[in-house]
């Protein structure tokens, strides 16, 4: 059961990382991803049209990647258990 939990956590982390990388590189391309892979609110397409939403998406992606990298560092490098 514990292995299944870690597999699920790994799948969610990979989806979040792909989501954040695409969001950081191109918010408009991110908005065209399938609904099951991206997590966006209803406001994004309207906000991205004027350019404001793309800045928010990139900031969110940067924060998300920083958190994922911190968790990876803490799990792999710092606390090897």
C-alpha atoms as a PDB file:
ATOM      1  CA  UNK A   1       0.000   0.000   0.000  1.00  0.00           C
ATOM      2  CA  UNK A   2       2.847   2.372   0.810  1.00  0.00           C
ATOM      3  CA  UNK A   3       4.464   1.806  -2.599  1.00  0.00           C
ATOM      4  CA  UNK A   4       1.194   2.596  -4.359  1.00  0.00           C
ATOM      5  CA  UNK A   5       0.992   5.841  -2.417  1.00  0.00           C
ATOM      6  CA  UNK A   6       4.502   6.875  -3.482  1.00  0.00           C
ATOM      7  CA  UNK A   7       3.752   5.978  -7.099  1.00  0.00           C
ATOM      8  CA  UNK A   8       0.664   8.186  -6.970  1.00  0.00           C
ATOM      9  CA  UNK A   9       2.664  11.016  -5.393  1.00  0.00           C
ATOM     10  CA  UNK A  10       5.298  10.672  -8.130  1.00  0.00           C
ATOM     11  CA  UNK A  11       2.668  10.783 -10.891  1.00  0.00           C
ATOM     12  CA  UNK A  12       1.084  13.900  -9.419  1.00  0.00           C
ATOM     13  CA  UNK A  13       4.510  15.551  -9.055  1.00  0.00           C
ATOM     14  CA  UNK A  14       5.406  14.803 -12.682  1.00  0.00           C
ATOM     15  CA  UNK A  15       2.088  16.198 -13.921  1.00  0.00           C
ATOM     16  CA  UNK A  16       2.598  19.311 -11.786  1.00  0.00           C
ATOM     17  CA  UNK A  17       6.152  19.750 -13.090  1.00  0.00           C
ATOM     18  CA  UNK A  18       5.102  19.393 -16.742  1.00  0.00           C
ATOM     19  CA  UNK A  19       2.226  21.766 -16.100  1.00  0.00           C
ATOM     20  CA  UNK A  20       4.526  24.354 -14.509  1.00  0.00           C
ATOM     21  CA  UNK A  21       7.211  24.094 -17.207  1.00  0.00           C
ATOM     22  CA  UNK A  22       4.713  24.582 -20.033  1.00  0.00           C
ATOM     23  CA  UNK A  23       3.064  27.391 -18.055  1.00  0.00           C
ATOM     24  CA  UNK A  24       6.430  29.088 -17.590  1.00  0.00           C
ATOM     25  CA  UNK A  25       7.495  28.765 -21.220  1.00  0.00           C
ATOM     26  CA  UNK A  26       4.196  29.649 -22.883  1.00  0.00           C
ATOM     27  CA  UNK A  27       1.008  30.385 -20.976  1.00  0.00           C
ATOM     28  CA  UNK A  28      -1.013  30.350 -24.199  1.00  0.00           C
ATOM     29  CA  UNK A  29       0.223  26.879 -25.100  1.00  0.00           C
ATOM     30  CA  UNK A  30      -0.555  25.828 -21.538  1.00  0.00           C
ATOM     31  CA  UNK A  31      -4.147  26.985 -21.941  1.00  0.00           C
ATOM     32  CA  UNK A  32      -4.484  24.613 -24.914  1.00  0.00           C
ATOM     33  CA  UNK A  33      -3.461  21.522 -22.918  1.00  0.00           C
ATOM     34  CA  UNK A  34      -6.190  18.971 -22.163  1.00  0.00           C
ATOM     35  CA  UNK A  35      -8.327  19.717 -19.107  1.00  0.00           C
ATOM     36  CA  UNK A  36      -7.111  16.653 -17.217  1.00  0.00           C
ATOM     37  CA  UNK A  37      -3.481  17.844 -17.179  1.00  0.00           C
ATOM     38  CA  UNK A  38      -3.880  21.535 -16.484  1.00  0.00           C
ATOM     39  CA  UNK A  39      -5.453  23.188 -13.503  1.00  0.00           C
ATOM     40  CA  UNK A  40      -6.753  26.597 -14.364  1.00  0.00           C
ATOM     41  CA  UNK A  41      -9.566  28.751 -13.209  1.00  0.00           C
ATOM     42  CA  UNK A  42     -12.235  30.181 -15.444  1.00  0.00           C
ATOM     43  CA  UNK A  43     -10.505  33.560 -15.478  1.00  0.00           C
ATOM     44  CA  UNK A  44      -7.347  32.558 -17.344  1.00  0.00           C
ATOM     45  CA  UNK A  45      -8.399  32.840 -21.003  1.00  0.00           C
ATOM     46  CA  UNK A  46      -9.981  36.241 -20.511  1.00  0.00           C
ATOM     47  CA  UNK A  47      -6.970  37.503 -18.559  1.00  0.00           C
ATOM     48  CA  UNK A  48      -4.403  36.033 -20.936  1.00  0.00           C
ATOM     49  CA  UNK A  49      -5.911  37.885 -23.896  1.00  0.00           C
ATOM     50  CA  UNK A  50      -4.713  41.233 -22.527  1.00  0.00           C
ATOM     51  CA  UNK A  51      -1.350  39.932 -21.312  1.00  0.00           C
ATOM     52  CA  UNK A  52      -2.018  40.187 -17.576  1.00  0.00           C
ATOM     53  CA  UNK A  53      -2.822  36.542 -17.100  1.00  0.00           C
ATOM     54  CA  UNK A  54       0.398  35.383 -18.705  1.00  0.00           C
ATOM     55  CA  UNK A  55       2.460  37.210 -16.104  1.00  0.00           C
ATOM     56  CA  UNK A  56       0.407  35.663 -13.293  1.00  0.00           C
ATOM     57  CA  UNK A  57       0.745  32.227 -14.889  1.00  0.00           C
ATOM     58  CA  UNK A  58       4.522  32.570 -15.128  1.00  0.00           C
ATOM     59  CA  UNK A  59       4.832  33.716 -11.515  1.00  0.00           C
ATOM     60  CA  UNK A  60       2.645  30.807 -10.397  1.00  0.00           C
ATOM     61  CA  UNK A  61       4.739  28.379 -12.444  1.00  0.00           C
ATOM     62  CA  UNK A  62       7.945  29.718 -10.926  1.00  0.00           C
ATOM     63  CA  UNK A  63       6.591  29.300  -7.399  1.00  0.00           C
ATOM     64  CA  UNK A  64       5.315  25.793  -8.184  1.00  0.00           C
ATOM     65  CA  UNK A  65       8.662  24.703  -9.638  1.00  0.00           C
ATOM     66  CA  UNK A  66      10.519  26.172  -6.670  1.00  0.00           C
ATOM     67  CA  UNK A  67       8.333  24.198  -4.254  1.00  0.00           C
ATOM     68  CA  UNK A  68       8.753  20.980  -6.247  1.00  0.00           C
ATOM     69  CA  UNK A  69      12.530  21.418  -6.391  1.00  0.00           C
ATOM     70  CA  UNK A  70      12.671  22.154  -2.665  1.00  0.00           C
ATOM     71  CA  UNK A  71      10.691  19.004  -1.885  1.00  0.00           C
ATOM     72  CA  UNK A  72      12.905  16.972  -4.195  1.00  0.00           C
ATOM     73  CA  UNK A  73      16.020  18.383  -2.543  1.00  0.00           C
ATOM     74  CA  UNK A  74      14.720  17.649   0.931  1.00  0.00           C
ATOM     75  CA  UNK A  75      13.701  14.101   0.025  1.00  0.00           C
ATOM     76  CA  UNK A  76      16.706  13.026  -2.046  1.00  0.00           C
ATOM     77  CA  UNK A  77      19.688  15.039  -0.856  1.00  0.00           C
ATOM     78  CA  UNK A  78      19.033  16.128   2.680  1.00  0.00           C
ATOM     79  CA  UNK A  79      16.996  13.343   4.266  1.00  0.00           C
ATOM     80  CA  UNK A  80      17.912  10.029   2.700  1.00  0.00           C
ATOM     81  CA  UNK A  81      15.414   7.680   4.229  1.00  0.00           C
END
